Amino acid sequence: MHERNSVAELAKTLREELKCYSAGEKLPSSRALVERFRAGPVTVSRALAQLAAEGLVVTRPGSGAFRADPRTAPAPTGDTAWQEVALSADPTTEHVPRTVDASGVLVSLAAPPAGVIEFNGGYPHPSLQPERAMGAALARAGRRPGAWGRPPMEGLPELREWFARGIGGAVTAADVLVTAGGQSALTTALRALAPPGAPVLVESPTYPGMLAIARAAGLRPVPVPVDAEGIKPALLADAFRASGARVLVCQPLFQNPTGAVLAPGRRAEVLRIARAAGAFVVEDDFVRRLVHEDAGPLPPPLAAEDPDGVVVHVGSLTKVTSPSFRVSALAARGPVFERLRAIQVVDTFFVPRPLQEAALELLTAPAWPRHLRALSAALRTRRDTMTAALHRELPAFALPHVPSGGYHLWARLPEGTDESALVAAALRAGVALTPGRPYFSAEPPAAHLRLSFAAVASTAEITEGVRRLRAAWEDVFSTSVFG
């Protein structure tokens, strides 16, 4: 059972029992709750913390937890209607209205209710994360001399060197800026490279979080279609000419959501087209370390084959470790590096030094290569399990490309499928899905689903989740035909 499900169930039980306590009455000790419910100490602690957040209990260090006083009636709220005008009135934005829509990102970040199988997750399940190694690394890092001091603004030299080696080519540690997660790196890159109102070329389909960043900055995403071999160079050249864009954001390796790898014959062509347009290529290399066991040699990053500073490279440790291990890097050559650095300093100053020190400890520990090998094998097994289950249970779902890296499959639904109805029916059946619509910056060519095989607890959950999805599909299909 997921830890969060255990926490939710224990909190529900304690919430009911609190009705028998008077205000200020002490609850049983944490040890007593552990023994009574046969739960772990962490589960008990988190359940009590949840009740405290709800205002139902008060915890006092050294004394225990107590029933809180009944809440008084809330104070009358004011009138916030004026904010609609203030947030919308922006006389400086002439071309594109600035909108902040996180819905496409929240689908993958929000935890589903207890008992719901998580096919919408954007991160590997805790059982696939190196939790013990990260804990040990953080403990060692905290004891390093100077670990709690101010780090260099660009990041620790040893960490910058590690990221530079992973890119190769002419990239050196001096070209690397340590950032707080890939989302932060993309935000910094787009702010540095494109003014408000400017067009930015994006793959179609593409990562919704990047589309949200662009729109929040007042940029205008212009889609360039992707096929099984990555972005299409001829259409890319057309898009640069038609839009006048000076930025392309792409994922050449295991593209999200299609899983495509940019074909060898297209790599140099993409760089040539961008260079001729006087444009930057933001290379989001977010999933390089989530390669599957059966993958062959990986192509190097585009940045390794770029002598002219066209590519701004984004690399991250988050997907391969934990959602909370937010350490990533921007790599760029030439004057643009200073602009990237300046924007990060203005926004966040720097990435906390203890986290950078912990990253170094983790990356240099013997447990790191073992974790990568175990994760690679597990992802292959999970991918194969989900692919086989979909072919068996839902043959009408097309899988144009089964990737050898990443953590999800991209399924095209039969023509006429009501995507939102299927997602809602699946949730009722006990499986959470990610709809395809948010991955398109313009009208999608068909209904799609992105199905994560990494966020669940086991291959058995994958099989059960696909079975539930089939039940939801049959429910929507019968309703659409006979309803």
Protein backbone atom coordinates (compact mmCIF):
# COMPACT_ATOMS: atom_id res chain seq x y z
CA MET A 1 0.00 0.00 0.00
CA HIS A 2 1.26 3.52 -0.73
CA GLU A 3 2.51 5.42 2.29
CA ARG A 4 0.15 8.30 1.57
CA ASN A 5 -2.81 5.87 1.49
CA SER A 6 -1.83 4.55 4.94
CA VAL A 7 -1.57 8.12 6.23
CA ALA A 8 -4.98 9.02 4.80
CA GLU A 9 -6.64 5.95 6.33
CA LEU A 10 -5.10 6.53 9.77
CA ALA A 11 -6.02 10.23 9.68
CA LYS A 12 -9.62 9.30 8.81
CA THR A 13 -9.83 6.90 11.76
CA LEU A 14 -8.36 9.41 14.20
CA ARG A 15 -10.64 12.14 12.85
CA GLU A 16 -13.67 10.04 13.80
CA GLU A 17 -12.28 9.18 17.23
CA LEU A 18 -11.62 12.84 18.00
CA LYS A 19 -15.38 13.30 18.31
CA CYS A 20 -15.15 11.40 21.62
CA TYR A 21 -12.50 13.76 23.04
CA SER A 22 -13.15 17.02 24.79
CA ALA A 23 -11.23 20.18 23.89
CA GLY A 24 -7.72 20.06 25.32
CA GLU A 25 -7.84 16.32 26.06
CA LYS A 26 -4.63 14.46 25.28
CA LEU A 27 -4.53 11.80 22.57
CA PRO A 28 -2.65 8.51 23.03
CA SER A 29 1.10 8.77 22.55
CA SER A 30 2.65 8.18 19.16
CA ARG A 31 4.12 4.92 20.45
CA ALA A 32 0.68 3.76 21.57
CA LEU A 33 -0.78 4.62 18.16
CA VAL A 34 2.03 2.72 16.41
CA GLU A 35 1.30 -0.39 18.47
CA ARG A 36 -2.48 -0.12 18.21
CA PHE A 37 -2.70 0.43 14.47
CA ARG A 38 0.46 -1.50 13.55
CA ALA A 39 1.61 1.51 11.59
CA GLY A 40 5.08 2.94 11.15
CA PRO A 41 6.20 5.94 13.23
CA VAL A 42 6.40 8.07 10.09
CA THR A 43 2.82 7.18 9.16
CA VAL A 44 1.58 8.15 12.63
CA SER A 45 3.57 11.39 12.58
CA ARG A 46 2.20 12.39 9.17
CA ALA A 47 -1.38 11.52 10.13
CA LEU A 48 -1.14 13.72 13.23
CA ALA A 49 0.45 16.48 11.15
CA GLN A 50 -2.48 16.29 8.72
CA LEU A 51 -4.98 16.63 11.59
CA ALA A 52 -2.98 19.54 12.96
CA ALA A 53 -3.09 21.23 9.56
CA GLU A 54 -6.86 20.82 9.61
CA GLY A 55 -7.02 22.52 13.00
CA LEU A 56 -8.33 19.41 14.76
CA VAL A 57 -5.35 18.72 17.01
CA VAL A 58 -2.55 20.71 18.57
CA THR A 59 0.88 19.11 18.93
CA ARG A 60 3.23 20.22 21.69
CA PRO A 61 6.85 19.02 21.49
CA GLY A 62 7.63 16.81 24.45
CA SER A 63 4.02 16.68 25.59
CA GLY A 64 2.06 15.02 22.77
CA ALA A 65 -1.05 15.78 20.74
CA PHE A 66 -4.26 17.32 22.11
CA ARG A 67 -7.78 17.89 20.81
CA ALA A 68 -7.94 21.47 19.57
CA ASP A 69 -10.53 23.96 20.75
CA PRO A 70 -13.57 24.17 18.47
CA ARG A 71 -13.08 26.65 15.68
CA THR A 72 -14.88 29.91 16.00
CA ALA A 73 -16.95 31.27 13.16
CA PRO A 74 -14.71 32.67 10.42
CA ALA A 75 -14.35 36.38 10.11
CA PRO A 76 -16.38 37.93 7.30
CA THR A 77 -14.45 38.02 4.04
CA GLY A 78 -13.86 41.16 2.06
CA ASP A 79 -14.63 41.84 -1.57
CA THR A 80 -11.81 40.67 -3.84
CA ALA A 81 -13.64 41.29 -7.12
CA TRP A 82 -11.36 44.27 -7.84
CA GLN A 83 -8.48 41.82 -8.43
CA GLU A 84 -10.01 40.59 -11.70
CA VAL A 85 -9.48 44.05 -13.17
CA ALA A 86 -6.02 44.50 -11.67
CA LEU A 87 -4.75 41.14 -12.93
CA SER A 88 -6.14 41.62 -16.43
CA ALA A 89 -5.23 45.25 -17.11
CA ASP A 90 -1.72 45.21 -18.60
CA PRO A 91 -1.16 48.09 -21.02
CA THR A 92 2.48 47.05 -21.65
CA THR A 93 1.59 43.69 -23.26
CA GLU A 94 0.56 44.52 -26.80
CA HIS A 95 0.72 41.15 -28.51
CA VAL A 96 -0.12 38.25 -26.21
CA PRO A 97 -2.12 38.45 -22.98
CA ARG A 98 -0.25 36.92 -20.07
CA THR A 99 -2.07 33.90 -18.66
CA VAL A 100 -1.00 31.61 -15.84
CA ASP A 101 -2.58 28.18 -16.21
CA ALA A 102 -1.03 25.34 -14.20
CA SER A 103 -3.77 22.81 -14.92
CA GLY A 104 -1.68 20.80 -17.40
CA VAL A 105 1.12 20.48 -14.83
CA LEU A 106 -1.10 19.76 -11.84
CA VAL A 107 -2.50 16.68 -13.56
CA SER A 108 0.91 15.02 -13.13
CA LEU A 109 1.73 16.55 -9.75
CA ALA A 110 -1.51 16.01 -7.84
CA ALA A 111 -1.76 12.77 -5.87
CA PRO A 112 -4.91 10.81 -6.71
CA PRO A 113 -7.33 9.70 -3.95
CA ALA A 114 -6.58 6.60 -1.90
CA GLY A 115 -7.09 3.37 -3.85
CA VAL A 116 -6.73 5.04 -7.27
CA ILE A 117 -3.97 3.67 -9.49
CA GLU A 118 -1.63 6.44 -10.59
CA PHE A 119 -1.17 6.35 -14.36
CA ASN A 120 -0.92 10.16 -14.32
CA GLY A 121 2.23 10.46 -12.22
CA GLY A 122 5.17 12.51 -13.42
CA TYR A 123 7.81 10.93 -11.16
CA PRO A 124 8.98 7.40 -10.39
CA HIS A 125 7.32 5.62 -7.46
CA PRO A 126 9.16 5.88 -4.11
CA SER A 127 10.20 2.23 -4.49
CA LEU A 128 12.20 3.31 -7.56
CA GLN A 129 13.83 6.26 -5.84
CA PRO A 130 17.22 5.99 -4.07
CA GLU A 131 15.73 7.11 -0.76
CA ARG A 132 18.36 5.52 1.50
CA ALA A 133 21.21 6.79 -0.64
CA MET A 134 19.71 10.30 -0.74
CA GLY A 135 19.20 10.29 3.02
CA ALA A 136 22.78 9.21 3.62
CA ALA A 137 24.06 11.79 1.13
CA LEU A 138 22.10 14.57 2.81
CA ALA A 139 23.40 13.54 6.24
CA ARG A 140 27.00 13.50 5.03
CA ALA A 141 26.55 16.79 3.19
CA GLY A 142 25.21 18.50 6.29
CA ARG A 143 28.41 17.67 8.15
CA ARG A 144 30.74 19.03 5.48
CA PRO A 145 32.72 22.10 6.57
CA GLY A 146 31.00 25.19 5.18
CA ALA A 147 28.00 23.19 3.96
CA TRP A 148 25.57 25.75 5.36
CA GLY A 149 27.37 28.76 4.00
CA ARG A 150 26.68 30.73 0.85
CA PRO A 151 27.63 28.84 -2.33
CA PRO A 152 29.07 30.41 -5.48
CA MET A 153 26.24 32.03 -7.44
CA GLU A 154 26.82 29.73 -10.42
CA GLY A 155 26.93 26.59 -8.28
CA LEU A 156 29.61 24.43 -6.66
CA PRO A 157 32.57 23.96 -9.04
CA GLU A 158 32.60 20.16 -8.63
CA LEU A 159 28.88 19.91 -9.44
CA ARG A 160 29.24 22.17 -12.47
CA GLU A 161 32.10 19.96 -13.65
CA TRP A 162 29.94 16.82 -13.25
CA PHE A 163 27.17 18.29 -15.40
CA ALA A 164 29.68 19.49 -18.02
CA ARG A 165 31.21 16.01 -18.34
CA GLY A 166 27.73 14.58 -18.90
CA ILE A 167 27.21 16.92 -21.86
CA GLY A 168 30.64 16.61 -23.49
CA GLY A 169 31.87 18.44 -26.55
CA ALA A 170 33.25 21.90 -25.94
CA VAL A 171 31.10 22.47 -22.83
CA THR A 172 33.16 23.11 -19.68
CA ALA A 173 32.29 23.76 -16.05
CA ALA A 174 32.53 27.49 -16.77
CA ASP A 175 29.53 27.14 -19.11
CA VAL A 176 27.28 25.51 -16.47
CA LEU A 177 24.84 27.18 -14.09
CA VAL A 178 23.31 25.03 -11.31
CA THR A 179 19.56 25.61 -11.05
CA ALA A 180 16.69 24.50 -8.80
CA GLY A 181 15.03 21.86 -10.99
CA GLY A 182 14.27 21.62 -14.69
CA GLN A 183 11.14 23.74 -14.51
CA SER A 184 13.14 26.59 -13.00
CA ALA A 185 15.83 26.16 -15.66
CA LEU A 186 13.29 26.34 -18.49
CA THR A 187 11.72 29.42 -16.93
CA THR A 188 15.10 31.13 -16.72
CA ALA A 189 15.97 30.18 -20.31
CA LEU A 190 12.74 31.49 -21.84
CA ARG A 191 12.93 34.73 -19.86
CA ALA A 192 16.50 35.21 -21.05
CA LEU A 193 15.91 34.46 -24.71
CA ALA A 194 12.50 35.89 -25.63
CA PRO A 195 10.83 39.21 -24.76
CA PRO A 196 7.11 39.34 -23.84
CA GLY A 197 4.92 39.03 -26.91
CA ALA A 198 7.51 37.11 -28.93
CA PRO A 199 6.80 33.79 -30.66
CA VAL A 200 8.59 30.65 -29.45
CA LEU A 201 8.67 27.44 -31.47
CA VAL A 202 7.63 24.29 -29.60
CA GLU A 203 7.26 20.66 -30.52
CA SER A 204 3.73 19.41 -31.09
CA PRO A 205 2.82 17.68 -28.86
CA THR A 206 5.05 18.87 -26.05
CA TYR A 207 5.42 19.17 -22.27
CA PRO A 208 2.50 21.22 -20.80
CA GLY A 209 4.74 22.75 -18.15
CA MET A 210 6.83 24.43 -20.82
CA LEU A 211 3.70 25.76 -22.55
CA ALA A 212 2.58 27.16 -19.18
CA ILE A 213 5.95 28.88 -18.70
CA ALA A 214 5.77 30.46 -22.15
CA ARG A 215 2.22 31.73 -21.74
CA ALA A 216 2.88 33.05 -18.23
CA ALA A 217 5.77 35.08 -19.71
CA GLY A 218 3.49 36.49 -22.42
CA LEU A 219 5.11 34.43 -25.19
CA ARG A 220 3.24 32.88 -28.12
CA PRO A 221 3.90 29.14 -28.60
CA VAL A 222 4.04 28.14 -32.28
CA PRO A 223 3.74 24.35 -32.82
CA VAL A 224 6.06 22.30 -35.03
CA PRO A 225 4.89 18.70 -35.52
CA VAL A 226 6.86 15.71 -34.23
CA ASP A 227 6.86 12.20 -35.69
CA ALA A 228 8.59 8.97 -34.65
CA GLU A 229 11.99 10.51 -35.57
CA GLY A 230 11.53 13.77 -33.70
CA ILE A 231 10.82 17.28 -34.90
CA LYS A 232 10.36 17.65 -38.68
CA PRO A 233 13.15 19.86 -40.11
CA ALA A 234 11.22 21.10 -43.17
CA LEU A 235 8.33 22.28 -41.02
CA LEU A 236 10.78 23.76 -38.54
CA ALA A 237 12.32 25.92 -41.26
CA ASP A 238 8.84 26.99 -42.39
CA ALA A 239 7.90 27.91 -38.82
CA PHE A 240 11.02 30.06 -38.34
CA ARG A 241 10.31 31.93 -41.59
CA ALA A 242 6.61 32.42 -40.94
CA SER A 243 6.83 33.43 -37.28
CA GLY A 244 10.14 35.25 -37.02
CA ALA A 245 10.84 33.29 -33.83
CA ARG A 246 14.31 33.33 -32.31
CA VAL A 247 13.83 30.39 -29.92
CA LEU A 248 13.02 26.69 -30.33
CA VAL A 249 12.36 24.48 -27.31
CA CYS A 250 12.80 20.77 -27.98
CA GLN A 251 13.43 17.42 -26.31
CA PRO A 252 15.67 15.42 -28.70
CA LEU A 253 15.88 12.37 -26.40
CA PHE A 254 12.75 10.41 -25.39
CA GLN A 255 10.52 13.36 -26.13
CA ASN A 256 7.64 14.07 -23.77
CA PRO A 257 5.04 12.78 -24.51
CA THR A 258 5.79 10.78 -27.70
CA GLY A 259 9.03 9.14 -26.54
CA ALA A 260 10.63 9.93 -29.90
CA VAL A 261 14.42 10.27 -30.30
CA LEU A 262 15.62 12.85 -32.82
CA ALA A 263 16.95 10.85 -35.77
CA PRO A 264 20.71 11.07 -36.58
CA GLY A 265 19.99 12.65 -39.95
CA ARG A 266 17.90 15.40 -38.38
CA ARG A 267 20.23 16.49 -35.57
CA ALA A 268 22.65 18.58 -37.63
CA GLU A 269 19.77 19.85 -39.76
CA VAL A 270 17.92 21.22 -36.74
CA LEU A 271 21.04 23.07 -35.58
CA ARG A 272 21.72 24.38 -39.10
CA ILE A 273 18.17 25.70 -39.49
CA ALA A 274 18.26 27.41 -36.08
CA ARG A 275 21.68 28.95 -36.80
CA ALA A 276 20.46 30.28 -40.16
CA ALA A 277 17.45 31.86 -38.41
CA GLY A 278 19.68 33.48 -35.78
CA ALA A 279 17.81 31.49 -33.14
CA PHE A 280 18.60 29.60 -29.96
CA VAL A 281 17.66 25.97 -29.34
CA VAL A 282 16.67 25.20 -25.75
CA GLU A 283 17.48 21.49 -25.38
CA ASP A 284 15.45 19.97 -22.54
CA ASP A 285 17.46 16.81 -21.79
CA PHE A 286 15.32 15.93 -18.78
CA VAL A 287 15.18 12.15 -19.07
CA ARG A 288 18.64 11.02 -20.20
CA ARG A 289 19.18 8.96 -17.04
CA LEU A 290 15.84 7.16 -17.32
CA VAL A 291 17.10 4.93 -20.13
CA HIS A 292 15.67 1.39 -20.30
CA GLU A 293 17.80 -1.70 -19.97
CA ASP A 294 17.34 -2.72 -23.61
CA ALA A 295 18.27 0.65 -25.13
CA GLY A 296 21.34 0.87 -27.29
CA PRO A 297 23.98 3.61 -27.02
CA LEU A 298 22.39 7.02 -26.55
CA PRO A 299 23.14 9.94 -28.87
CA PRO A 300 25.02 12.76 -27.19
CA PRO A 301 23.21 15.96 -26.29
CA LEU A 302 22.80 18.46 -29.12
CA ALA A 303 24.95 20.83 -27.07
CA ALA A 304 27.92 18.48 -27.56
CA GLU A 305 27.73 18.98 -31.35
CA ASP A 306 27.20 22.75 -31.27
CA PRO A 307 30.33 24.88 -31.87
CA ASP A 308 28.45 28.18 -32.24
CA GLY A 309 26.57 28.51 -28.94
CA VAL A 310 23.18 27.87 -30.53
CA VAL A 311 22.08 25.37 -27.86
CA VAL A 312 21.08 26.24 -24.31
CA HIS A 313 21.10 22.86 -22.56
CA VAL A 314 18.88 21.86 -19.62
CA GLY A 315 19.82 18.76 -17.61
CA SER A 316 18.25 17.55 -14.38
CA LEU A 317 18.67 15.06 -11.55
CA THR A 318 15.07 15.30 -10.34
CA LYS A 319 13.38 12.61 -12.45
CA VAL A 320 16.03 10.04 -11.62
CA THR A 321 16.03 10.74 -7.88
CA SER A 322 12.99 12.36 -6.24
CA PRO A 323 10.49 15.18 -6.86
CA SER A 324 12.07 17.01 -3.93
CA PHE A 325 15.67 16.60 -5.13
CA ARG A 326 15.51 19.70 -7.27
CA VAL A 327 18.99 20.03 -8.72
CA SER A 328 19.49 20.75 -12.41
CA ALA A 329 21.75 22.73 -14.69
CA LEU A 330 21.72 25.20 -17.56
CA ALA A 331 24.67 25.07 -19.95
CA ALA A 332 25.32 27.80 -22.50
CA ARG A 333 28.32 29.21 -24.34
CA GLY A 334 28.85 32.84 -25.17
CA PRO A 335 27.29 36.08 -23.89
CA VAL A 336 23.94 34.40 -23.22
CA PHE A 337 25.43 32.68 -20.18
CA GLU A 338 25.74 35.98 -18.33
CA ARG A 339 22.11 36.82 -19.04
CA LEU A 340 21.00 33.41 -17.73
CA ARG A 341 23.12 33.89 -14.64
CA ALA A 342 21.75 37.39 -14.01
CA ILE A 343 18.14 36.25 -14.26
CA GLN A 344 18.72 33.37 -11.85
CA VAL A 345 20.45 35.63 -9.33
CA VAL A 346 17.57 38.12 -9.48
CA ASP A 347 14.95 35.37 -9.12
CA THR A 348 16.44 33.00 -6.55
CA PHE A 349 20.01 34.12 -5.67
CA PHE A 350 21.33 30.53 -5.79
CA VAL A 351 20.48 26.88 -5.17
CA PRO A 352 20.84 26.06 -1.43
CA ARG A 353 24.34 24.78 -0.73
CA PRO A 354 23.29 21.76 1.40
CA LEU A 355 21.28 20.45 -1.56
CA GLN A 356 24.22 20.91 -3.92
CA GLU A 357 26.55 19.22 -1.44
CA ALA A 358 24.08 16.34 -1.10
CA ALA A 359 23.98 15.99 -4.89
CA LEU A 360 27.75 15.68 -4.98
CA GLU A 361 27.70 13.09 -2.22
CA LEU A 362 25.04 11.08 -4.05
CA LEU A 363 26.69 11.24 -7.48
CA THR A 364 30.06 10.07 -6.14
CA ALA A 365 28.68 7.27 -3.92
CA PRO A 366 28.91 3.58 -4.95
CA ALA A 367 25.12 3.43 -4.60
CA TRP A 368 24.62 5.79 -7.58
CA PRO A 369 25.58 3.43 -10.45
CA ARG A 370 23.71 0.62 -8.69
CA HIS A 371 20.60 2.79 -8.56
CA LEU A 372 20.86 3.64 -12.26
CA ARG A 373 21.18 -0.04 -13.21
CA ALA A 374 18.25 -1.10 -11.02
CA LEU A 375 16.07 1.72 -12.31
CA SER A 376 16.92 0.91 -15.93
CA ALA A 377 15.88 -2.72 -15.46
CA ALA A 378 12.69 -1.82 -13.58
CA LEU A 379 11.58 0.70 -16.21
CA ARG A 380 12.02 -1.84 -19.01
CA THR A 381 9.94 -4.41 -17.12
CA ARG A 382 7.19 -1.90 -16.37
CA ARG A 383 7.12 -0.62 -19.96
CA ASP A 384 6.81 -4.14 -21.31
CA THR A 385 4.09 -4.98 -18.79
CA MET A 386 2.01 -1.94 -19.72
CA THR A 387 2.54 -2.43 -23.46
CA ALA A 388 1.45 -6.06 -23.29
CA ALA A 389 -1.56 -5.22 -21.13
CA LEU A 390 -2.71 -2.50 -23.52
CA HIS A 391 -2.35 -4.78 -26.56
CA ARG A 392 -4.33 -7.47 -24.74
CA GLU A 393 -7.05 -5.41 -23.07
CA LEU A 394 -7.35 -2.35 -25.32
CA PRO A 395 -6.23 -3.22 -28.86
CA ALA A 396 -8.13 -0.20 -30.20
CA PHE A 397 -5.57 2.08 -28.50
CA ALA A 398 -2.71 2.78 -30.91
CA LEU A 399 0.87 2.94 -29.62
CA PRO A 400 2.75 4.58 -32.52
CA HIS A 401 6.07 4.37 -30.68
CA VAL A 402 7.23 2.28 -27.71
CA PRO A 403 10.26 4.12 -26.34
CA SER A 404 13.45 2.70 -24.85
CA GLY A 405 13.65 5.46 -22.26
CA GLY A 406 11.42 7.60 -20.10
CA TYR A 407 8.50 6.61 -17.89
CA HIS A 408 5.34 6.64 -19.98
CA LEU A 409 3.55 5.58 -23.16
CA TRP A 410 1.68 7.86 -25.56
CA ALA A 411 -1.55 6.27 -26.77
CA ARG A 412 -3.67 7.55 -29.62
CA LEU A 413 -7.36 6.86 -29.04
CA PRO A 414 -9.81 5.73 -31.72
CA GLU A 415 -11.40 8.45 -33.83
CA GLY A 416 -14.37 10.08 -32.15
CA THR A 417 -13.30 9.24 -28.59
CA ASP A 418 -14.39 11.77 -25.98
CA GLU A 419 -11.09 12.21 -24.18
CA SER A 420 -12.46 14.07 -21.16
CA ALA A 421 -15.30 11.56 -20.74
CA LEU A 422 -12.81 8.69 -20.72
CA VAL A 423 -10.59 10.40 -18.16
CA ALA A 424 -13.59 10.99 -15.88
CA ALA A 425 -14.87 7.42 -16.30
CA ALA A 426 -11.41 6.04 -15.56
CA LEU A 427 -11.20 7.99 -12.33
CA ARG A 428 -14.56 6.55 -11.28
CA ALA A 429 -13.17 3.11 -12.10
CA GLY A 430 -10.13 3.75 -9.90
CA VAL A 431 -7.36 4.81 -12.29
CA ALA A 432 -6.03 8.35 -12.81
CA LEU A 433 -5.07 9.34 -16.35
CA THR A 434 -3.32 12.23 -18.05
CA PRO A 435 -5.37 13.57 -21.00
CA GLY A 436 -3.55 14.44 -24.20
CA ARG A 437 -5.15 17.82 -24.90
CA PRO A 438 -2.81 19.92 -22.66
CA TYR A 439 0.19 18.66 -24.67
CA PHE A 440 -0.90 20.56 -27.79
CA SER A 441 -0.50 24.31 -28.15
CA ALA A 442 -3.07 24.29 -30.98
CA GLU A 443 -5.89 21.95 -31.96
CA PRO A 444 -4.86 18.29 -31.50
CA PRO A 445 -5.12 15.86 -34.44
CA ALA A 446 -6.80 13.21 -32.27
CA ALA A 447 -7.57 12.23 -28.68
CA HIS A 448 -4.60 10.88 -26.73
CA LEU A 449 -3.59 9.64 -23.28
CA ARG A 450 -0.21 9.72 -21.61
CA LEU A 451 0.09 6.61 -19.43
CA SER A 452 2.83 6.54 -16.79
CA PHE A 453 4.22 3.14 -15.83
CA ALA A 454 6.72 4.49 -13.30
CA ALA A 455 4.49 6.13 -10.69
CA VAL A 456 2.72 2.92 -9.61
CA ALA A 457 3.90 0.52 -6.92
CA SER A 458 4.34 -2.62 -9.03
CA THR A 459 3.74 -4.39 -12.32
CA ALA A 460 0.64 -5.95 -10.73
CA GLU A 461 -0.78 -2.43 -10.33
CA ILE A 462 -0.07 -1.76 -14.00
CA THR A 463 -2.02 -4.84 -15.03
CA GLU A 464 -4.90 -3.95 -12.73
CA GLY A 465 -4.86 -0.34 -13.88
CA VAL A 466 -5.18 -1.33 -17.53
CA ARG A 467 -8.03 -3.68 -16.60
CA ARG A 468 -9.82 -0.75 -14.91
CA LEU A 469 -9.11 1.43 -17.93
CA ARG A 470 -10.74 -1.17 -20.17
CA ALA A 471 -13.84 -1.11 -17.95
CA ALA A 472 -13.94 2.68 -18.21
CA TRP A 473 -13.48 2.51 -21.99
CA GLU A 474 -16.33 0.02 -22.32
CA ASP A 475 -18.51 2.27 -20.16
CA VAL A 476 -17.80 5.34 -22.32
CA PHE A 477 -18.12 3.36 -25.56
CA SER A 478 -21.46 1.82 -24.58
CA THR A 479 -22.73 5.22 -23.43
CA SER A 480 -21.70 6.89 -26.68
CA VAL A 481 -23.24 4.13 -28.79
CA PHE A 482 -26.36 3.28 -26.83
CA GLY A 483 -26.85 6.25 -24.51
